[in-house]
């Protein structure tokens, strides 16, 4: 596999894991601020994934 493809897959997996943690935090905690934080981190990692994907296309 190419290095760029592996990096893209790892970024995507990291964002999915952050979203899973956010769902767990929203479901179990009474304070939803930690869930919101993990949701933002997952979205940021997903944005980095898209930037990395666009960079590797060129």
N, C-alpha and C. Protein backbone atom coordinates (compact mmCIF):
# COMPACT_ATOMS: atom_id res chain seq x y z
N UNK A 1 0.83 -1.18 0.00
CA UNK A 1 0.00 0.00 0.00
C UNK A 1 0.88 1.25 0.00
N UNK A 2 0.36 2.28 -0.59
CA UNK A 2 1.08 3.53 -0.59
C UNK A 2 0.99 4.18 0.79
N UNK A 3 2.00 4.98 1.10
CA UNK A 3 2.06 5.63 2.41
C UNK A 3 0.86 6.56 2.61
N UNK A 4 0.46 7.28 1.56
CA UNK A 4 -0.67 8.20 1.67
C UNK A 4 -1.98 7.49 1.93
N UNK A 5 -2.14 6.31 1.34
CA UNK A 5 -3.38 5.55 1.54
C UNK A 5 -3.46 5.02 2.97
N UNK A 6 -2.35 4.57 3.50
CA UNK A 6 -2.32 4.08 4.88
C UNK A 6 -2.62 5.22 5.86
N UNK A 7 -2.04 6.38 5.60
CA UNK A 7 -2.29 7.54 6.46
C UNK A 7 -3.75 7.93 6.44
N UNK A 8 -4.36 7.91 5.25
CA UNK A 8 -5.78 8.24 5.13
C UNK A 8 -6.64 7.26 5.91
N UNK A 9 -6.34 5.98 5.82
CA UNK A 9 -7.10 4.97 6.55
C UNK A 9 -6.95 5.15 8.06
N UNK A 10 -5.75 5.48 8.51
CA UNK A 10 -5.52 5.68 9.94
C UNK A 10 -6.23 6.92 10.47
N UNK A 11 -6.23 8.01 9.68
CA UNK A 11 -6.98 9.21 10.07
C UNK A 11 -8.47 8.90 10.18
N UNK A 12 -8.99 8.15 9.21
CA UNK A 12 -10.41 7.80 9.21
C UNK A 12 -10.75 6.93 10.42
N UNK A 13 -9.88 5.96 10.72
CA UNK A 13 -10.12 5.09 11.87
C UNK A 13 -10.08 5.88 13.17
N UNK A 14 -9.16 6.84 13.27
CA UNK A 14 -9.07 7.66 14.48
C UNK A 14 -10.32 8.51 14.66
N UNK A 15 -10.85 9.04 13.56
CA UNK A 15 -12.07 9.85 13.68
C UNK A 15 -13.26 8.99 14.08
N UNK A 16 -13.35 7.79 13.54
CA UNK A 16 -14.44 6.87 13.92
C UNK A 16 -14.35 6.53 15.41
N UNK A 17 -13.14 6.26 15.89
CA UNK A 17 -12.97 5.95 17.31
C UNK A 17 -13.34 7.14 18.20
N UNK A 18 -13.01 8.35 17.77
CA UNK A 18 -13.40 9.54 18.54
C UNK A 18 -14.91 9.68 18.58
N UNK A 19 -15.58 9.39 17.46
CA UNK A 19 -17.04 9.45 17.44
C UNK A 19 -17.65 8.39 18.35
N UNK A 20 -17.06 7.21 18.40
CA UNK A 20 -17.56 6.15 19.28
C UNK A 20 -17.41 6.57 20.74
N UNK A 21 -16.27 7.16 21.09
CA UNK A 21 -16.07 7.64 22.46
C UNK A 21 -17.08 8.73 22.79
N UNK A 22 -17.36 9.62 21.83
CA UNK A 22 -18.35 10.68 22.06
C UNK A 22 -19.72 10.10 22.32
N UNK A 23 -20.10 9.07 21.56
CA UNK A 23 -21.41 8.44 21.76
C UNK A 23 -21.48 7.80 23.14
N UNK A 24 -20.40 7.15 23.55
CA UNK A 24 -20.37 6.52 24.87
C UNK A 24 -20.46 7.58 25.97
N UNK A 25 -19.73 8.68 25.80
CA UNK A 25 -19.76 9.75 26.80
C UNK A 25 -21.15 10.38 26.89
N UNK A 26 -21.80 10.60 25.74
CA UNK A 26 -23.15 11.17 25.76
C UNK A 26 -24.14 10.22 26.42
N UNK A 27 -23.96 8.91 26.22
CA UNK A 27 -24.91 7.93 26.75
C UNK A 27 -24.72 7.68 28.25
N UNK A 28 -23.49 7.80 28.74
CA UNK A 28 -23.25 7.40 30.13
C UNK A 28 -23.09 8.56 31.10
N UNK A 29 -22.58 9.69 30.64
CA UNK A 29 -22.33 10.81 31.55
C UNK A 29 -23.54 11.74 31.62
N UNK A 30 -23.73 12.32 32.79
CA UNK A 30 -24.77 13.33 32.92
C UNK A 30 -24.28 14.67 32.39
N UNK A 31 -22.96 14.89 32.44
CA UNK A 31 -22.36 16.10 31.90
C UNK A 31 -21.91 15.79 30.47
N UNK A 32 -22.48 16.47 29.50
CA UNK A 32 -22.20 16.13 28.10
C UNK A 32 -21.03 16.93 27.52
N UNK A 33 -20.31 17.66 28.35
CA UNK A 33 -19.21 18.46 27.80
C UNK A 33 -18.07 17.58 27.28
N UNK A 34 -17.79 16.48 27.93
CA UNK A 34 -16.74 15.58 27.44
C UNK A 34 -17.15 14.92 26.14
N UNK A 35 -18.42 14.60 26.01
CA UNK A 35 -18.90 14.03 24.75
C UNK A 35 -18.78 15.03 23.62
N UNK A 36 -19.08 16.29 23.92
CA UNK A 36 -18.93 17.34 22.92
C UNK A 36 -17.48 17.55 22.52
N UNK A 37 -16.59 17.43 23.50
CA UNK A 37 -15.17 17.58 23.20
C UNK A 37 -14.69 16.48 22.26
N UNK A 38 -15.08 15.23 22.55
CA UNK A 38 -14.68 14.11 21.70
C UNK A 38 -15.31 14.21 20.32
N UNK A 39 -16.52 14.76 20.24
CA UNK A 39 -17.16 14.97 18.95
C UNK A 39 -16.38 15.99 18.13
N UNK A 40 -15.93 17.05 18.76
CA UNK A 40 -15.12 18.06 18.06
C UNK A 40 -13.77 17.50 17.63
N UNK A 41 -13.15 16.70 18.48
CA UNK A 41 -11.87 16.10 18.12
C UNK A 41 -12.04 15.16 16.93
N UNK A 42 -13.10 14.36 16.93
CA UNK A 42 -13.36 13.46 15.80
C UNK A 42 -13.59 14.22 14.51
N UNK A 43 -14.29 15.34 14.60
CA UNK A 43 -14.53 16.16 13.41
C UNK A 43 -13.24 16.80 12.91
N UNK A 44 -12.39 17.24 13.82
CA UNK A 44 -11.11 17.82 13.43
C UNK A 44 -10.22 16.79 12.75
N UNK A 45 -10.19 15.59 13.28
CA UNK A 45 -9.38 14.53 12.67
C UNK A 45 -9.94 14.17 11.29
N UNK A 46 -11.26 14.17 11.16
CA UNK A 46 -11.86 13.89 9.86
C UNK A 46 -11.51 14.98 8.86
N UNK A 47 -11.47 16.23 9.29
CA UNK A 47 -11.05 17.32 8.40
C UNK A 47 -9.59 17.16 7.99
N UNK A 48 -8.74 16.76 8.92
CA UNK A 48 -7.35 16.50 8.58
C UNK A 48 -7.23 15.37 7.56
N UNK A 49 -8.11 14.39 7.68
CA UNK A 49 -8.13 13.27 6.73
C UNK A 49 -8.46 13.77 5.33
N UNK A 50 -9.44 14.65 5.22
CA UNK A 50 -9.83 15.18 3.91
C UNK A 50 -8.70 16.03 3.32
N UNK A 51 -8.06 16.84 4.15
CA UNK A 51 -6.93 17.65 3.67
C UNK A 51 -5.80 16.74 3.19
N UNK A 52 -5.52 15.70 3.95
CA UNK A 52 -4.47 14.76 3.58
C UNK A 52 -4.83 14.03 2.28
N UNK A 53 -6.07 13.68 2.13
CA UNK A 53 -6.52 13.00 0.92
C UNK A 53 -6.39 13.90 -0.30
N UNK A 54 -6.76 15.17 -0.15
CA UNK A 54 -6.65 16.12 -1.26
C UNK A 54 -5.18 16.38 -1.61
N UNK A 55 -4.33 16.43 -0.59
CA UNK A 55 -2.91 16.66 -0.81
C UNK A 55 -2.28 15.48 -1.58
N UNK A 56 -2.72 14.28 -1.29
CA UNK A 56 -2.15 13.10 -1.94
C UNK A 56 -2.67 12.91 -3.35
N UNK A 57 -3.79 13.53 -3.69
CA UNK A 57 -4.32 13.43 -5.05
C UNK A 57 -3.46 14.20 -6.04
N UNK A 58 -2.86 15.28 -5.57
CA UNK A 58 -2.08 16.14 -6.47
C UNK A 58 -0.72 15.58 -6.76
